């Protein structure tokens, strides 16, 4: 394991990548899906609150930054007239899962339930952006997704107490961004569609 102070480095990497995405959002180059980014701002905050209640230390900063950065992008997306804002069934399912997690957490006092449902809801919230990244990767900026991989990996390396509360959310973020980053950076969906044409 590495020193937990490396979490500050991971946080800095995430903030710098968010600034790159923010620049592209404000200029109209990147077209964030507001539904996804809105949920990405709220859901990790639920997980962060549960981690704090469960006694997770500095590693919770990673979860907090995964809420803070999307909140900035969500707000900035209202400057970008090309940002997506359309509620569908998937968005309602995601909201219901997140709400269920909060209700179960409040009813049972089990932070692990809130973290688990936060991971599930966050993944469901990612699906619209995954579809967009598959079909239209040029509407995205890959930097934040790469930084999320790096930040969550660094966080996992700092964990000394391997309980669900510590590792679940950073492990989920690592895995989810291992899907999103290559879809955007290497245009996997577009390349697949071209090869089948």
C-alpha atoms as a PDB file:
ATOM      1  CA  UNK A   1       0.000   0.000   0.000  1.00  0.00           C
ATOM      2  CA  UNK A   2       1.082   3.561  -0.628  1.00  0.00           C
ATOM      3  CA  UNK A   3       0.814   6.551   1.694  1.00  0.00           C
ATOM      4  CA  UNK A   4      -2.730   7.899   1.842  1.00  0.00           C
ATOM      5  CA  UNK A   5      -1.472  11.425   1.105  1.00  0.00           C
ATOM      6  CA  UNK A   6      -1.274  10.333  -2.546  1.00  0.00           C
ATOM      7  CA  UNK A   7      -5.048  10.854  -2.518  1.00  0.00           C
ATOM      8  CA  UNK A   8      -4.317  14.592  -2.734  1.00  0.00           C
ATOM      9  CA  UNK A   9      -2.413  13.948  -5.967  1.00  0.00           C
ATOM     10  CA  UNK A  10      -5.340  11.931  -7.362  1.00  0.00           C
ATOM     11  CA  UNK A  11      -7.706  14.740  -6.383  1.00  0.00           C
ATOM     12  CA  UNK A  12      -5.513  17.312  -8.148  1.00  0.00           C
ATOM     13  CA  UNK A  13      -5.461  15.162 -11.308  1.00  0.00           C
ATOM     14  CA  UNK A  14      -9.273  14.980 -11.206  1.00  0.00           C
ATOM     15  CA  UNK A  15      -9.634  18.733 -10.762  1.00  0.00           C
ATOM     16  CA  UNK A  16      -7.262  19.477 -13.669  1.00  0.00           C
ATOM     17  CA  UNK A  17      -9.181  17.077 -15.925  1.00  0.00           C
ATOM     18  CA  UNK A  18     -12.458  18.667 -14.838  1.00  0.00           C
ATOM     19  CA  UNK A  19     -11.075  22.074 -15.845  1.00  0.00           C
ATOM     20  CA  UNK A  20     -10.313  20.676 -19.307  1.00  0.00           C
ATOM     21  CA  UNK A  21     -13.863  19.313 -19.587  1.00  0.00           C
ATOM     22  CA  UNK A  22     -15.258  22.583 -18.223  1.00  0.00           C
ATOM     23  CA  UNK A  23     -13.383  24.582 -20.885  1.00  0.00           C
ATOM     24  CA  UNK A  24     -14.721  22.312 -23.627  1.00  0.00           C
ATOM     25  CA  UNK A  25     -18.242  22.487 -22.178  1.00  0.00           C
ATOM     26  CA  UNK A  26     -18.259  26.281 -22.029  1.00  0.00           C
ATOM     27  CA  UNK A  27     -16.906  26.527 -25.582  1.00  0.00           C
ATOM     28  CA  UNK A  28     -19.531  24.076 -26.890  1.00  0.00           C
ATOM     29  CA  UNK A  29     -16.984  21.464 -28.000  1.00  0.00           C
ATOM     30  CA  UNK A  30     -18.160  18.963 -25.395  1.00  0.00           C
ATOM     31  CA  UNK A  31     -21.877  18.283 -25.030  1.00  0.00           C
ATOM     32  CA  UNK A  32     -22.495  16.718 -21.624  1.00  0.00           C
ATOM     33  CA  UNK A  33     -25.646  14.762 -20.941  1.00  0.00           C
ATOM     34  CA  UNK A  34     -27.181  16.853 -18.140  1.00  0.00           C
ATOM     35  CA  UNK A  35     -29.129  13.941 -16.723  1.00  0.00           C
ATOM     36  CA  UNK A  36     -25.979  11.843 -16.313  1.00  0.00           C
ATOM     37  CA  UNK A  37     -23.874  14.702 -14.951  1.00  0.00           C
ATOM     38  CA  UNK A  38     -26.676  15.760 -12.598  1.00  0.00           C
ATOM     39  CA  UNK A  39     -26.930  12.265 -11.158  1.00  0.00           C
ATOM     40  CA  UNK A  40     -23.118  12.048 -11.031  1.00  0.00           C
ATOM     41  CA  UNK A  41     -23.199  15.163  -8.834  1.00  0.00           C
ATOM     42  CA  UNK A  42     -25.824  13.787  -6.428  1.00  0.00           C
ATOM     43  CA  UNK A  43     -25.162  10.047  -6.193  1.00  0.00           C
ATOM     44  CA  UNK A  44     -21.502  10.145  -5.071  1.00  0.00           C
ATOM     45  CA  UNK A  45     -22.553  12.656  -2.393  1.00  0.00           C
ATOM     46  CA  UNK A  46     -24.817   9.940  -0.955  1.00  0.00           C
ATOM     47  CA  UNK A  47     -21.902   7.499  -0.996  1.00  0.00           C
ATOM     48  CA  UNK A  48     -19.602  10.166   0.508  1.00  0.00           C
ATOM     49  CA  UNK A  49     -22.056  10.807   3.366  1.00  0.00           C
ATOM     50  CA  UNK A  50     -22.315   7.060   4.028  1.00  0.00           C
ATOM     51  CA  UNK A  51     -18.518   6.712   3.988  1.00  0.00           C
ATOM     52  CA  UNK A  52     -18.154   9.509   6.534  1.00  0.00           C
ATOM     53  CA  UNK A  53     -20.756   7.845   8.760  1.00  0.00           C
ATOM     54  CA  UNK A  54     -18.925   4.514   8.404  1.00  0.00           C
ATOM     55  CA  UNK A  55     -15.638   6.129   9.494  1.00  0.00           C
ATOM     56  CA  UNK A  56     -13.855   6.106   6.129  1.00  0.00           C
ATOM     57  CA  UNK A  57     -10.939   8.494   6.333  1.00  0.00           C
ATOM     58  CA  UNK A  58      -9.098  10.408   3.646  1.00  0.00           C
ATOM     59  CA  UNK A  59     -10.241   7.941   0.968  1.00  0.00           C
ATOM     60  CA  UNK A  60     -13.692   9.578   1.191  1.00  0.00           C
ATOM     61  CA  UNK A  61     -12.160  12.685  -0.433  1.00  0.00           C
ATOM     62  CA  UNK A  62     -12.040  10.741  -3.696  1.00  0.00           C
ATOM     63  CA  UNK A  63     -15.774  10.085  -3.519  1.00  0.00           C
ATOM     64  CA  UNK A  64     -16.424  13.734  -2.682  1.00  0.00           C
ATOM     65  CA  UNK A  65     -14.455  14.921  -5.731  1.00  0.00           C
ATOM     66  CA  UNK A  66     -16.494  12.514  -7.902  1.00  0.00           C
ATOM     67  CA  UNK A  67     -19.545  14.541  -6.781  1.00  0.00           C
ATOM     68  CA  UNK A  68     -17.993  18.022  -6.809  1.00  0.00           C
ATOM     69  CA  UNK A  69     -16.534  17.891 -10.336  1.00  0.00           C
ATOM     70  CA  UNK A  70     -19.786  16.718 -11.982  1.00  0.00           C
ATOM     71  CA  UNK A  71     -21.679  19.433 -10.112  1.00  0.00           C
ATOM     72  CA  UNK A  72     -19.421  22.057 -11.763  1.00  0.00           C
ATOM     73  CA  UNK A  73     -19.936  20.446 -15.196  1.00  0.00           C
ATOM     74  CA  UNK A  74     -23.699  20.161 -14.626  1.00  0.00           C
ATOM     75  CA  UNK A  75     -23.934  23.874 -13.811  1.00  0.00           C
ATOM     76  CA  UNK A  76     -21.672  24.808 -16.753  1.00  0.00           C
ATOM     77  CA  UNK A  77     -23.775  22.700 -19.114  1.00  0.00           C
ATOM     78  CA  UNK A  78     -26.538  25.296 -18.911  1.00  0.00           C
ATOM     79  CA  UNK A  79     -24.201  27.717 -20.727  1.00  0.00           C
ATOM     80  CA  UNK A  80     -23.822  25.151 -23.525  1.00  0.00           C
ATOM     81  CA  UNK A  81     -26.960  25.171 -25.675  1.00  0.00           C
ATOM     82  CA  UNK A  82     -25.957  21.794 -27.174  1.00  0.00           C
ATOM     83  CA  UNK A  83     -25.946  19.929 -23.852  1.00  0.00           C
ATOM     84  CA  UNK A  84     -28.473  17.097 -23.613  1.00  0.00           C
ATOM     85  CA  UNK A  85     -31.441  17.340 -21.253  1.00  0.00           C
ATOM     86  CA  UNK A  86     -34.078  14.726 -21.769  1.00  0.00           C
ATOM     87  CA  UNK A  87     -35.595  12.592 -19.017  1.00  0.00           C
ATOM     88  CA  UNK A  88     -36.381   9.037 -20.030  1.00  0.00           C
ATOM     89  CA  UNK A  89     -37.306   5.784 -18.294  1.00  0.00           C
ATOM     90  CA  UNK A  90     -33.655   5.070 -17.542  1.00  0.00           C
ATOM     91  CA  UNK A  91     -33.320   8.376 -15.690  1.00  0.00           C
ATOM     92  CA  UNK A  92     -36.370   7.641 -13.550  1.00  0.00           C
ATOM     93  CA  UNK A  93     -35.026   4.152 -12.754  1.00  0.00           C
ATOM     94  CA  UNK A  94     -31.715   5.687 -11.702  1.00  0.00           C
ATOM     95  CA  UNK A  95     -33.459   8.208  -9.470  1.00  0.00           C
ATOM     96  CA  UNK A  96     -35.590   5.478  -7.914  1.00  0.00           C
ATOM     97  CA  UNK A  97     -32.521   3.324  -7.181  1.00  0.00           C
ATOM     98  CA  UNK A  98     -30.709   6.263  -5.584  1.00  0.00           C
ATOM     99  CA  UNK A  99     -33.785   7.136  -3.519  1.00  0.00           C
ATOM    100  CA  UNK A 100     -34.157   3.491  -2.440  1.00  0.00           C
ATOM    101  CA  UNK A 101     -30.546   3.522  -1.276  1.00  0.00           C
ATOM    102  CA  UNK A 102     -31.108   6.628   0.834  1.00  0.00           C
ATOM    103  CA  UNK A 103     -34.355   5.243   2.322  1.00  0.00           C
ATOM    104  CA  UNK A 104     -32.716   1.906   3.194  1.00  0.00           C
ATOM    105  CA  UNK A 105     -29.720   3.723   4.647  1.00  0.00           C
ATOM    106  CA  UNK A 106     -31.940   5.932   6.832  1.00  0.00           C
ATOM    107  CA  UNK A 107     -34.151   2.981   7.840  1.00  0.00           C
ATOM    108  CA  UNK A 108     -31.316   0.594   8.703  1.00  0.00           C
ATOM    109  CA  UNK A 109     -28.407   2.875   9.506  1.00  0.00           C
ATOM    110  CA  UNK A 110     -26.301   0.649   7.229  1.00  0.00           C
ATOM    111  CA  UNK A 111     -23.919   2.855   5.249  1.00  0.00           C
ATOM    112  CA  UNK A 112     -22.905  -0.133   3.122  1.00  0.00           C
ATOM    113  CA  UNK A 113     -26.440  -0.265   1.657  1.00  0.00           C
ATOM    114  CA  UNK A 114     -26.265   3.387   0.660  1.00  0.00           C
ATOM    115  CA  UNK A 115     -22.844   2.847  -0.918  1.00  0.00           C
ATOM    116  CA  UNK A 116     -24.040  -0.259  -2.779  1.00  0.00           C
ATOM    117  CA  UNK A 117     -27.139   1.476  -4.158  1.00  0.00           C
ATOM    118  CA  UNK A 118     -25.039   4.543  -4.999  1.00  0.00           C
ATOM    119  CA  UNK A 119     -22.790   2.344  -7.148  1.00  0.00           C
ATOM    120  CA  UNK A 120     -25.792   0.774  -8.883  1.00  0.00           C
ATOM    121  CA  UNK A 121     -27.535   4.117  -9.425  1.00  0.00           C
ATOM    122  CA  UNK A 122     -24.337   5.753 -10.662  1.00  0.00           C
ATOM    123  CA  UNK A 123     -23.844   2.963 -13.201  1.00  0.00           C
ATOM    124  CA  UNK A 124     -27.421   3.321 -14.429  1.00  0.00           C
ATOM    125  CA  UNK A 125     -26.836   7.094 -14.694  1.00  0.00           C
ATOM    126  CA  UNK A 126     -23.729   6.357 -16.791  1.00  0.00           C
ATOM    127  CA  UNK A 127     -25.670   4.434 -19.425  1.00  0.00           C
ATOM    128  CA  UNK A 128     -26.909   7.475 -21.415  1.00  0.00           C
ATOM    129  CA  UNK A 129     -23.336   8.804 -21.609  1.00  0.00           C
ATOM    130  CA  UNK A 130     -22.035   5.350 -22.567  1.00  0.00           C
ATOM    131  CA  UNK A 131     -24.539   5.202 -25.426  1.00  0.00           C
ATOM    132  CA  UNK A 132     -23.567   8.728 -26.497  1.00  0.00           C
ATOM    133  CA  UNK A 133     -19.858   7.870 -26.254  1.00  0.00           C
ATOM    134  CA  UNK A 134     -20.465   4.777 -28.390  1.00  0.00           C
ATOM    135  CA  UNK A 135     -22.386   6.651 -31.094  1.00  0.00           C
ATOM    136  CA  UNK A 136     -20.921  10.150 -30.881  1.00  0.00           C
ATOM    137  CA  UNK A 137     -17.553  10.106 -29.043  1.00  0.00           C
ATOM    138  CA  UNK A 138     -16.492  13.470 -30.465  1.00  0.00           C
ATOM    139  CA  UNK A 139     -19.169  15.073 -28.277  1.00  0.00           C
ATOM    140  CA  UNK A 140     -17.125  14.082 -25.208  1.00  0.00           C
ATOM    141  CA  UNK A 141     -13.717  14.843 -23.694  1.00  0.00           C
ATOM    142  CA  UNK A 142     -11.857  11.756 -22.455  1.00  0.00           C
ATOM    143  CA  UNK A 143      -9.705  13.588 -19.862  1.00  0.00           C
ATOM    144  CA  UNK A 144     -12.029  13.315 -16.833  1.00  0.00           C
ATOM    145  CA  UNK A 145     -12.609   9.633 -17.474  1.00  0.00           C
ATOM    146  CA  UNK A 146      -8.872   8.909 -17.576  1.00  0.00           C
ATOM    147  CA  UNK A 147      -8.350  10.991 -14.441  1.00  0.00           C
ATOM    148  CA  UNK A 148     -11.137   9.030 -12.704  1.00  0.00           C
ATOM    149  CA  UNK A 149      -9.287   5.804 -13.508  1.00  0.00           C
ATOM    150  CA  UNK A 150      -6.042   7.224 -12.100  1.00  0.00           C
ATOM    151  CA  UNK A 151      -7.655   8.821  -9.038  1.00  0.00           C
ATOM    152  CA  UNK A 152      -9.654   5.744  -8.065  1.00  0.00           C
ATOM    153  CA  UNK A 153      -6.636   3.465  -8.644  1.00  0.00           C
ATOM    154  CA  UNK A 154      -4.468   5.648  -6.388  1.00  0.00           C
ATOM    155  CA  UNK A 155      -7.217   5.594  -3.765  1.00  0.00           C
ATOM    156  CA  UNK A 156      -7.439   1.796  -3.923  1.00  0.00           C
ATOM    157  CA  UNK A 157      -3.667   1.599  -3.416  1.00  0.00           C
ATOM    158  CA  UNK A 158      -3.941   3.649  -0.202  1.00  0.00           C
ATOM    159  CA  UNK A 159      -6.572   1.468   1.476  1.00  0.00           C
ATOM    160  CA  UNK A 160      -5.351  -0.376   4.535  1.00  0.00           C
ATOM    161  CA  UNK A 161      -8.735  -1.438   5.909  1.00  0.00           C
ATOM    162  CA  UNK A 162     -10.348  -3.533   3.170  1.00  0.00           C
ATOM    163  CA  UNK A 163     -13.992  -3.192   4.072  1.00  0.00           C
ATOM    164  CA  UNK A 164     -16.843  -2.520   1.666  1.00  0.00           C
ATOM    165  CA  UNK A 165     -17.202   1.074   2.870  1.00  0.00           C
ATOM    166  CA  UNK A 166     -13.605   1.829   1.909  1.00  0.00           C
ATOM    167  CA  UNK A 167     -13.194   0.062  -1.407  1.00  0.00           C
ATOM    168  CA  UNK A 168     -16.647  -0.258  -3.051  1.00  0.00           C
ATOM    169  CA  UNK A 169     -17.094   3.207  -4.550  1.00  0.00           C
ATOM    170  CA  UNK A 170     -13.508   3.744  -5.784  1.00  0.00           C
ATOM    171  CA  UNK A 171     -13.480   0.214  -7.240  1.00  0.00           C
ATOM    172  CA  UNK A 172     -16.776   0.870  -9.000  1.00  0.00           C
ATOM    173  CA  UNK A 173     -15.497   4.225 -10.371  1.00  0.00           C
ATOM    174  CA  UNK A 174     -12.333   2.509 -11.622  1.00  0.00           C
ATOM    175  CA  UNK A 175     -14.314  -0.195 -13.455  1.00  0.00           C
ATOM    176  CA  UNK A 176     -16.950   2.176 -14.867  1.00  0.00           C
ATOM    177  CA  UNK A 177     -14.355   4.536 -16.298  1.00  0.00           C
ATOM    178  CA  UNK A 178     -12.444   1.628 -17.812  1.00  0.00           C
ATOM    179  CA  UNK A 179     -15.528   1.328 -20.027  1.00  0.00           C
ATOM    180  CA  UNK A 180     -16.132   5.026 -20.691  1.00  0.00           C
ATOM    181  CA  UNK A 181     -12.564   6.142 -21.379  1.00  0.00           C
ATOM    182  CA  UNK A 182     -11.797   3.785 -24.317  1.00  0.00           C
ATOM    183  CA  UNK A 183     -15.246   4.398 -25.820  1.00  0.00           C
ATOM    184  CA  UNK A 184     -14.412   8.103 -26.009  1.00  0.00           C
ATOM    185  CA  UNK A 185     -10.643   8.142 -26.528  1.00  0.00           C
ATOM    186  CA  UNK A 186     -10.407   5.342 -29.104  1.00  0.00           C
ATOM    187  CA  UNK A 187     -13.889   5.857 -30.612  1.00  0.00           C
ATOM    188  CA  UNK A 188     -14.606   2.160 -30.258  1.00  0.00           C
ATOM    189  CA  UNK A 189     -18.268   2.434 -31.180  1.00  0.00           C
ATOM    190  CA  UNK A 190     -17.663   4.513 -34.311  1.00  0.00           C
ATOM    191  CA  UNK A 191     -14.838   2.188 -35.377  1.00  0.00           C
ATOM    192  CA  UNK A 192     -17.066  -0.846 -34.847  1.00  0.00           C
ATOM    193  CA  UNK A 193     -19.889   0.730 -36.855  1.00  0.00           C
ATOM    194  CA  UNK A 194     -17.450   1.636 -39.680  1.00  0.00           C
ATOM    195  CA  UNK A 195     -16.027  -1.889 -39.790  1.00  0.00           C
ATOM    196  CA  UNK A 196     -19.525  -3.332 -40.176  1.00  0.00           C
ATOM    197  CA  UNK A 197     -20.422  -0.932 -43.024  1.00  0.00           C
END
